[in-house]
PDB file of N, CA and C in Angstrom:
ATOM      1  N   MET A   1      89.784  36.998  36.242  1.00  0.00           N
ATOM      2  CA  MET A   1      88.706  37.139  37.189  1.00  0.00           C
ATOM      3  C   MET A   1      87.455  36.515  36.566  1.00  0.00           C
ATOM      4  N   GLU A   2      86.731  35.769  37.384  1.00  0.00           N
ATOM      5  CA  GLU A   2      85.502  35.132  36.921  1.00  0.00           C
ATOM      6  C   GLU A   2      84.338  35.645  37.768  1.00  0.00           C
ATOM      7  N   ILE A   3      83.332  36.165  37.092  1.00  0.00           N
ATOM      8  CA  ILE A   3      82.170  36.732  37.769  1.00  0.00           C
ATOM      9  C   ILE A   3      80.929  35.984  37.305  1.00  0.00           C
ATOM     10  N   LYS A   4      80.110  35.584  38.280  1.00  0.00           N
ATOM     11  CA  LYS A   4      78.849  34.903  37.969  1.00  0.00           C
ATOM     12  C   LYS A   4      77.700  35.709  38.549  1.00  0.00           C
ATOM     13  N   VAL A   5      76.723  36.008  37.698  1.00  0.00           N
ATOM     14  CA  VAL A   5      75.490  36.641  38.135  1.00  0.00           C
ATOM     15  C   VAL A   5      74.456  35.524  38.192  1.00  0.00           C
ATOM     16  N   CYS A   6      73.960  35.255  39.389  1.00  0.00           N
ATOM     17  CA  CYS A   6      73.060  34.122  39.597  1.00  0.00           C
ATOM     18  C   CYS A   6      71.618  34.585  39.759  1.00  0.00           C
ATOM     19  N   GLY A   7      70.731  33.942  39.020  1.00  0.00           N
ATOM     20  CA  GLY A   7      69.315  34.233  39.127  1.00  0.00           C
ATOM     21  C   GLY A   7      68.572  33.720  37.914  1.00  0.00           C
ATOM     22  N   PRO A   8      67.243  33.718  37.984  1.00  0.00           N
ATOM     23  CA  PRO A   8      66.426  33.139  36.922  1.00  0.00           C
ATOM     24  C   PRO A   8      66.320  33.992  35.660  1.00  0.00           C
ATOM     25  N   GLY A   9      66.868  35.196  35.681  1.00  0.00           N
ATOM     26  CA  GLY A   9      66.757  36.070  34.516  1.00  0.00           C
ATOM     27  C   GLY A   9      65.720  37.157  34.716  1.00  0.00           C
ATOM     28  N   CYS A  10      65.439  37.464  35.978  1.00  0.00           N
ATOM     29  CA  CYS A  10      64.460  38.500  36.304  1.00  0.00           C
ATOM     30  C   CYS A  10      65.059  39.894  36.048  1.00  0.00           C
ATOM     31  N   THR A  11      64.250  40.892  36.235  1.00  0.00           N
ATOM     32  CA  THR A  11      64.687  42.275  36.002  1.00  0.00           C
ATOM     33  C   THR A  11      65.871  42.640  36.890  1.00  0.00           C
ATOM     34  N   LYS A  12      65.829  42.256  38.164  1.00  0.00           N
ATOM     35  CA  LYS A  12      66.935  42.588  39.073  1.00  0.00           C
ATOM     36  C   LYS A  12      68.213  41.853  38.684  1.00  0.00           C
ATOM     37  N   CYS A  13      68.079  40.621  38.210  1.00  0.00           N
ATOM     38  CA  CYS A  13      69.257  39.869  37.764  1.00  0.00           C
ATOM     39  C   CYS A  13      69.901  40.561  36.560  1.00  0.00           C
ATOM     40  N   ASP A  14      69.060  41.007  35.640  1.00  0.00           N
ATOM     41  CA  ASP A  14      69.567  41.724  34.471  1.00  0.00           C
ATOM     42  C   ASP A  14      70.228  43.032  34.886  1.00  0.00           C
ATOM     43  N   GLN A  15      69.668  43.676  35.908  1.00  0.00           N
ATOM     44  CA  GLN A  15      70.244  44.930  36.407  1.00  0.00           C
ATOM     45  C   GLN A  15      71.636  44.680  37.005  1.00  0.00           C
ATOM     46  N   VAL A  16      71.789  43.598  37.756  1.00  0.00           N
ATOM     47  CA  VAL A  16      73.096  43.260  38.333  1.00  0.00           C
ATOM     48  C   VAL A  16      74.107  43.012  37.218  1.00  0.00           C
ATOM     49  N   TYR A  17      73.705  42.258  36.196  1.00  0.00           N
ATOM     50  CA  TYR A  17      74.596  41.962  35.067  1.00  0.00           C
ATOM     51  C   TYR A  17      75.047  43.264  34.404  1.00  0.00           C
ATOM     52  N   LYS A  18      74.102  44.170  34.181  1.00  0.00           N
ATOM     53  CA  LYS A  18      74.424  45.444  33.539  1.00  0.00           C
ATOM     54  C   LYS A  18      75.375  46.259  34.407  1.00  0.00           C
ATOM     55  N   GLN A  19      75.122  46.311  35.711  1.00  0.00           N
ATOM     56  CA  GLN A  19      75.984  47.075  36.611  1.00  0.00           C
ATOM     57  C   GLN A  19      77.388  46.486  36.671  1.00  0.00           C
ATOM     58  N   VAL A  20      77.479  45.172  36.638  1.00  0.00           N
ATOM     59  CA  VAL A  20      78.789  44.526  36.664  1.00  0.00           C
ATOM     60  C   VAL A  20      79.590  44.899  35.424  1.00  0.00           C
ATOM     61  N   THR A  21      78.963  44.827  34.254  1.00  0.00           N
ATOM     62  CA  THR A  21      79.683  45.155  33.023  1.00  0.00           C
ATOM     63  C   THR A  21      80.091  46.629  32.999  1.00  0.00           C
ATOM     64  N   GLU A  22      79.230  47.509  33.517  1.00  0.00           N
ATOM     65  CA  GLU A  22      79.576  48.935  33.573  1.00  0.00           C
ATOM     66  C   GLU A  22      80.722  49.182  34.560  1.00  0.00           C
ATOM     67  N   ALA A  23      80.690  48.503  35.706  1.00  0.00           N
ATOM     68  CA  ALA A  23      81.756  48.668  36.706  1.00  0.00           C
ATOM     69  C   ALA A  23      83.084  48.155  36.160  1.00  0.00           C
ATOM     70  N   LEU A  24      83.038  47.076  35.386  1.00  0.00           N
ATOM     71  CA  LEU A  24      84.267  46.563  34.776  1.00  0.00           C
ATOM     72  C   LEU A  24      84.858  47.590  33.815  1.00  0.00           C
ATOM     73  N   GLN A  25      84.011  48.226  33.031  1.00  0.00           N
ATOM     74  CA  GLN A  25      84.492  49.247  32.098  1.00  0.00           C
ATOM     75  C   GLN A  25      85.133  50.407  32.855  1.00  0.00           C
ATOM     76  N   LYS A  26      84.483  50.856  33.933  1.00  0.00           N
ATOM     77  CA  LYS A  26      85.010  51.981  34.720  1.00  0.00           C
ATOM     78  C   LYS A  26      86.326  51.634  35.396  1.00  0.00           C
ATOM     79  N   SER A  27      86.433  50.387  35.852  1.00  0.00           N
ATOM     80  CA  SER A  27      87.623  49.984  36.591  1.00  0.00           C
ATOM     81  C   SER A  27      88.793  49.631  35.688  1.00  0.00           C
ATOM     82  N   GLY A  28      88.493  49.329  34.424  1.00  0.00           N
ATOM     83  CA  GLY A  28      89.547  48.921  33.500  1.00  0.00           C
ATOM     84  C   GLY A  28      89.977  47.479  33.689  1.00  0.00           C
ATOM     85  N   LYS A  29      89.267  46.746  34.535  1.00  0.00           N
ATOM     86  CA  LYS A  29      89.588  45.339  34.793  1.00  0.00           C
ATOM     87  C   LYS A  29      88.963  44.459  33.712  1.00  0.00           C
ATOM     88  N   GLU A  30      89.565  43.297  33.534  1.00  0.00           N
ATOM     89  CA  GLU A  30      89.018  42.324  32.601  1.00  0.00           C
ATOM     90  C   GLU A  30      88.510  41.132  33.388  1.00  0.00           C
ATOM     91  N   ALA A  31      87.379  40.596  32.940  1.00  0.00           N
ATOM     92  CA  ALA A  31      86.794  39.445  33.632  1.00  0.00           C
ATOM     93  C   ALA A  31      85.873  38.699  32.683  1.00  0.00           C
ATOM     94  N   THR A  32      85.655  37.445  33.003  1.00  0.00           N
ATOM     95  CA  THR A  32      84.655  36.646  32.308  1.00  0.00           C
ATOM     96  C   THR A  32      83.387  36.755  33.130  1.00  0.00           C
ATOM     97  N   VAL A  33      82.330  37.286  32.518  1.00  0.00           N
ATOM     98  CA  VAL A  33      81.055  37.457  33.212  1.00  0.00           C
ATOM     99  C   VAL A  33      80.052  36.484  32.610  1.00  0.00           C
ATOM    100  N   SER A  34      79.439  35.690  33.479  1.00  0.00           N
ATOM    101  CA  SER A  34      78.440  34.732  32.992  1.00  0.00           C
ATOM    102  C   SER A  34      77.193  34.805  33.858  1.00  0.00           C
ATOM    103  N   LYS A  35      76.088  34.352  33.273  1.00  0.00           N
ATOM    104  CA  LYS A  35      74.828  34.261  34.000  1.00  0.00           C
ATOM    105  C   LYS A  35      74.596  32.802  34.350  1.00  0.00           C
ATOM    106  N   VAL A  36      74.229  32.554  35.599  1.00  0.00           N
ATOM    107  CA  VAL A  36      73.891  31.208  36.046  1.00  0.00           C
ATOM    108  C   VAL A  36      72.396  31.225  36.352  1.00  0.00           C
ATOM    109  N   THR A  37      71.619  30.484  35.551  1.00  0.00           N
ATOM    110  CA  THR A  37      70.166  30.492  35.723  1.00  0.00           C
ATOM    111  C   THR A  37      69.617  29.165  36.249  1.00  0.00           C
ATOM    112  N   ASP A  38      70.434  28.128  36.253  1.00  0.00           N
ATOM    113  CA  ASP A  38      70.010  26.812  36.730  1.00  0.00           C
ATOM    114  C   ASP A  38      69.996  26.812  38.258  1.00  0.00           C
ATOM    115  N   PHE A  39      68.818  26.576  38.845  1.00  0.00           N
ATOM    116  CA  PHE A  39      68.689  26.647  40.296  1.00  0.00           C
ATOM    117  C   PHE A  39      69.546  25.612  41.012  1.00  0.00           C
ATOM    118  N   GLN A  40      69.783  24.464  40.418  1.00  0.00           N
ATOM    119  CA  GLN A  40      70.648  23.466  41.049  1.00  0.00           C
ATOM    120  C   GLN A  40      72.088  23.959  41.105  1.00  0.00           C
ATOM    121  N   GLU A  41      72.550  24.604  40.032  1.00  0.00           N
ATOM    122  CA  GLU A  41      73.899  25.169  40.016  1.00  0.00           C
ATOM    123  C   GLU A  41      74.025  26.309  41.029  1.00  0.00           C
ATOM    124  N   ILE A  42      72.974  27.123  41.122  1.00  0.00           N
ATOM    125  CA  ILE A  42      72.978  28.234  42.079  1.00  0.00           C
ATOM    126  C   ILE A  42      73.043  27.681  43.506  1.00  0.00           C
ATOM    127  N   ALA A  43      72.263  26.651  43.782  1.00  0.00           N
ATOM    128  CA  ALA A  43      72.246  26.036  45.121  1.00  0.00           C
ATOM    129  C   ALA A  43      73.600  25.419  45.461  1.00  0.00           C
ATOM    130  N   LYS A  44      74.297  24.866  44.464  1.00  0.00           N
ATOM    131  CA  LYS A  44      75.622  24.287  44.699  1.00  0.00           C
ATOM    132  C   LYS A  44      76.612  25.351  45.174  1.00  0.00           C
ATOM    133  N   LEU A  45      76.345  26.592  44.800  1.00  0.00           N
ATOM    134  CA  LEU A  45      77.201  27.703  45.227  1.00  0.00           C
ATOM    135  C   LEU A  45      76.836  28.179  46.638  1.00  0.00           C
ATOM    136  N   GLY A  46      75.791  27.565  47.214  1.00  0.00           N
ATOM    137  CA  GLY A  46      75.359  27.951  48.551  1.00  0.00           C
ATOM    138  C   GLY A  46      74.436  29.148  48.558  1.00  0.00           C
ATOM    139  N   ILE A  47      73.818  29.415  47.408  1.00  0.00           N
ATOM    140  CA  ILE A  47      72.955  30.586  47.257  1.00  0.00           C
ATOM    141  C   ILE A  47      71.507  30.120  47.212  1.00  0.00           C
ATOM    142  N   PHE A  48      70.671  30.754  48.043  1.00  0.00           N
ATOM    143  CA  PHE A  48      69.262  30.363  48.086  1.00  0.00           C
ATOM    144  C   PHE A  48      68.330  31.554  47.915  1.00  0.00           C
ATOM    145  N   SER A  49      68.872  32.682  47.493  1.00  0.00           N
ATOM    146  CA  SER A  49      68.095  33.875  47.199  1.00  0.00           C
ATOM    147  C   SER A  49      68.778  34.594  46.041  1.00  0.00           C
ATOM    148  N   THR A  50      67.998  35.168  45.154  1.00  0.00           N
ATOM    149  CA  THR A  50      68.569  35.855  43.999  1.00  0.00           C
ATOM    150  C   THR A  50      68.038  37.279  43.941  1.00  0.00           C
ATOM    151  N   PRO A  51      68.718  38.155  43.226  1.00  0.00           N
ATOM    152  CA  PRO A  51      69.945  37.925  42.481  1.00  0.00           C
ATOM    153  C   PRO A  51      71.135  37.750  43.422  1.00  0.00           C
ATOM    154  N   ALA A  52      72.163  37.123  42.900  1.00  0.00           N
ATOM    155  CA  ALA A  52      73.384  36.931  43.671  1.00  0.00           C
ATOM    156  C   ALA A  52      74.592  37.171  42.771  1.00  0.00           C
ATOM    157  N   LEU A  53      75.681  37.550  43.381  1.00  0.00           N
ATOM    158  CA  LEU A  53      76.897  37.842  42.646  1.00  0.00           C
ATOM    159  C   LEU A  53      78.054  37.068  43.253  1.00  0.00           C
ATOM    160  N   VAL A  54      78.782  36.336  42.399  1.00  0.00           N
ATOM    161  CA  VAL A  54      79.924  35.550  42.839  1.00  0.00           C
ATOM    162  C   VAL A  54      81.151  36.021  42.055  1.00  0.00           C
ATOM    163  N   ILE A  55      82.204  36.394  42.771  1.00  0.00           N
ATOM    164  CA  ILE A  55      83.437  36.845  42.131  1.00  0.00           C
ATOM    165  C   ILE A  55      84.559  35.908  42.561  1.00  0.00           C
ATOM    166  N   ASP A  56      85.171  35.255  41.588  1.00  0.00           N
ATOM    167  CA  ASP A  56      86.264  34.301  41.836  1.00  0.00           C
ATOM    168  C   ASP A  56      85.899  33.291  42.926  1.00  0.00           C
ATOM    169  N   GLY A  57      84.680  32.761  42.852  1.00  0.00           N
ATOM    170  CA  GLY A  57      84.241  31.718  43.762  1.00  0.00           C
ATOM    171  C   GLY A  57      83.736  32.197  45.108  1.00  0.00           C
ATOM    172  N   GLU A  58      83.797  33.495  45.357  1.00  0.00           N
ATOM    173  CA  GLU A  58      83.345  34.047  46.638  1.00  0.00           C
ATOM    174  C   GLU A  58      82.025  34.791  46.446  1.00  0.00           C
ATOM    175  N   VAL A  59      81.004  34.398  47.219  1.00  0.00           N
ATOM    176  CA  VAL A  59      79.697  35.046  47.149  1.00  0.00           C
ATOM    177  C   VAL A  59      79.830  36.439  47.757  1.00  0.00           C
ATOM    178  N   LYS A  60      79.521  37.447  46.959  1.00  0.00           N
ATOM    179  CA  LYS A  60      79.678  38.834  47.407  1.00  0.00           C
ATOM    180  C   LYS A  60      78.358  39.494  47.780  1.00  0.00           C
ATOM    181  N   CYS A  61      77.273  39.069  47.153  1.00  0.00           N
ATOM    182  CA  CYS A  61      75.997  39.746  47.341  1.00  0.00           C
ATOM    183  C   CYS A  61      74.871  38.759  47.066  1.00  0.00           C
ATOM    184  N   VAL A  62      73.864  38.744  47.952  1.00  0.00           N
ATOM    185  CA  VAL A  62      72.729  37.837  47.787  1.00  0.00           C
ATOM    186  C   VAL A  62      71.432  38.590  48.079  1.00  0.00           C
ATOM    187  N   GLY A  63      70.457  38.431  47.188  1.00  0.00           N
ATOM    188  CA  GLY A  63      69.124  38.965  47.426  1.00  0.00           C
ATOM    189  C   GLY A  63      68.948  40.446  47.185  1.00  0.00           C
ATOM    190  N   GLN A  64      69.945  41.070  46.577  1.00  0.00           N
ATOM    191  CA  GLN A  64      69.836  42.505  46.310  1.00  0.00           C
ATOM    192  C   GLN A  64      70.733  42.908  45.156  1.00  0.00           C
ATOM    193  N   VAL A  65      70.472  44.093  44.652  1.00  0.00           N
ATOM    194  CA  VAL A  65      71.318  44.667  43.609  1.00  0.00           C
ATOM    195  C   VAL A  65      72.407  45.464  44.320  1.00  0.00           C
ATOM    196  N   PRO A  66      73.679  45.128  44.106  1.00  0.00           N
ATOM    197  CA  PRO A  66      74.754  45.833  44.822  1.00  0.00           C
ATOM    198  C   PRO A  66      74.934  47.265  44.331  1.00  0.00           C
ATOM    199  N   ALA A  67      75.434  48.097  45.216  1.00  0.00           N
ATOM    200  CA  ALA A  67      75.744  49.478  44.850  1.00  0.00           C
ATOM    201  C   ALA A  67      77.003  49.500  43.988  1.00  0.00           C
ATOM    202  N   GLU A  68      77.098  50.485  43.122  1.00  0.00           N
ATOM    203  CA  GLU A  68      78.257  50.603  42.231  1.00  0.00           C
ATOM    204  C   GLU A  68      79.559  50.710  43.029  1.00  0.00           C
ATOM    205  N   LYS A  69      79.536  51.463  44.117  1.00  0.00           N
ATOM    206  CA  LYS A  69      80.760  51.621  44.926  1.00  0.00           C
ATOM    207  C   LYS A  69      81.224  50.275  45.471  1.00  0.00           C
ATOM    208  N   ASP A  70      80.275  49.414  45.861  1.00  0.00           N
ATOM    209  CA  ASP A  70      80.637  48.076  46.343  1.00  0.00           C
ATOM    210  C   ASP A  70      81.236  47.235  45.222  1.00  0.00           C
ATOM    211  N   LEU A  71      80.626  47.325  44.056  1.00  0.00           N
ATOM    212  CA  LEU A  71      81.154  46.570  42.897  1.00  0.00           C
ATOM    213  C   LEU A  71      82.588  46.969  42.602  1.00  0.00           C
ATOM    214  N   LEU A  72      82.862  48.255  42.623  1.00  0.00           N
ATOM    215  CA  LEU A  72      84.219  48.733  42.319  1.00  0.00           C
ATOM    216  C   LEU A  72      85.218  48.243  43.366  1.00  0.00           C
ATOM    217  N   VAL A  73      84.816  48.185  44.616  1.00  0.00           N
ATOM    218  CA  VAL A  73      85.696  47.656  45.674  1.00  0.00           C
ATOM    219  C   VAL A  73      85.961  46.180  45.431  1.00  0.00           C
ATOM    220  N   TRP A  74      84.900  45.428  45.146  1.00  0.00           N
ATOM    221  CA  TRP A  74      85.043  43.993  44.924  1.00  0.00           C
ATOM    222  C   TRP A  74      85.897  43.685  43.699  1.00  0.00           C
ATOM    223  N   LEU A  75      85.862  44.584  42.714  1.00  0.00           N
ATOM    224  CA  LEU A  75      86.665  44.369  41.499  1.00  0.00           C
ATOM    225  C   LEU A  75      88.116  44.795  41.711  1.00  0.00           C
ATOM    226  N   GLY A  76      88.374  45.428  42.838  1.00  0.00           N
ATOM    227  CA  GLY A  76      89.758  45.804  43.154  1.00  0.00           C
ATOM    228  C   GLY A  76      90.218  47.088  42.530  1.00  0.00           C
ATOM    229  N   SER A  77      89.276  47.996  42.296  1.00  0.00           N
ATOM    230  CA  SER A  77      89.695  49.277  41.700  1.00  0.00           C
ATOM    231  C   SER A  77      89.674  50.395  42.708  1.00  0.00           C
TER     232      SER A  77
END
């Protein structure tokens, strides 16, 4: 599983990254989690508002910090 947290590195982006890593621990799933901070790369993903979350190439959340319950569903737990 590949997870991308997209954003410039703001507080909300850091919060999404932290929540993703915590949800992965709770779910027992393994994934590669990366931060995408380059706006051109973010735009190539079709994202024009941050923070955003992309899981296996699918945009799951844009412009907000997702709830933990949503993260766990998206991770398949």
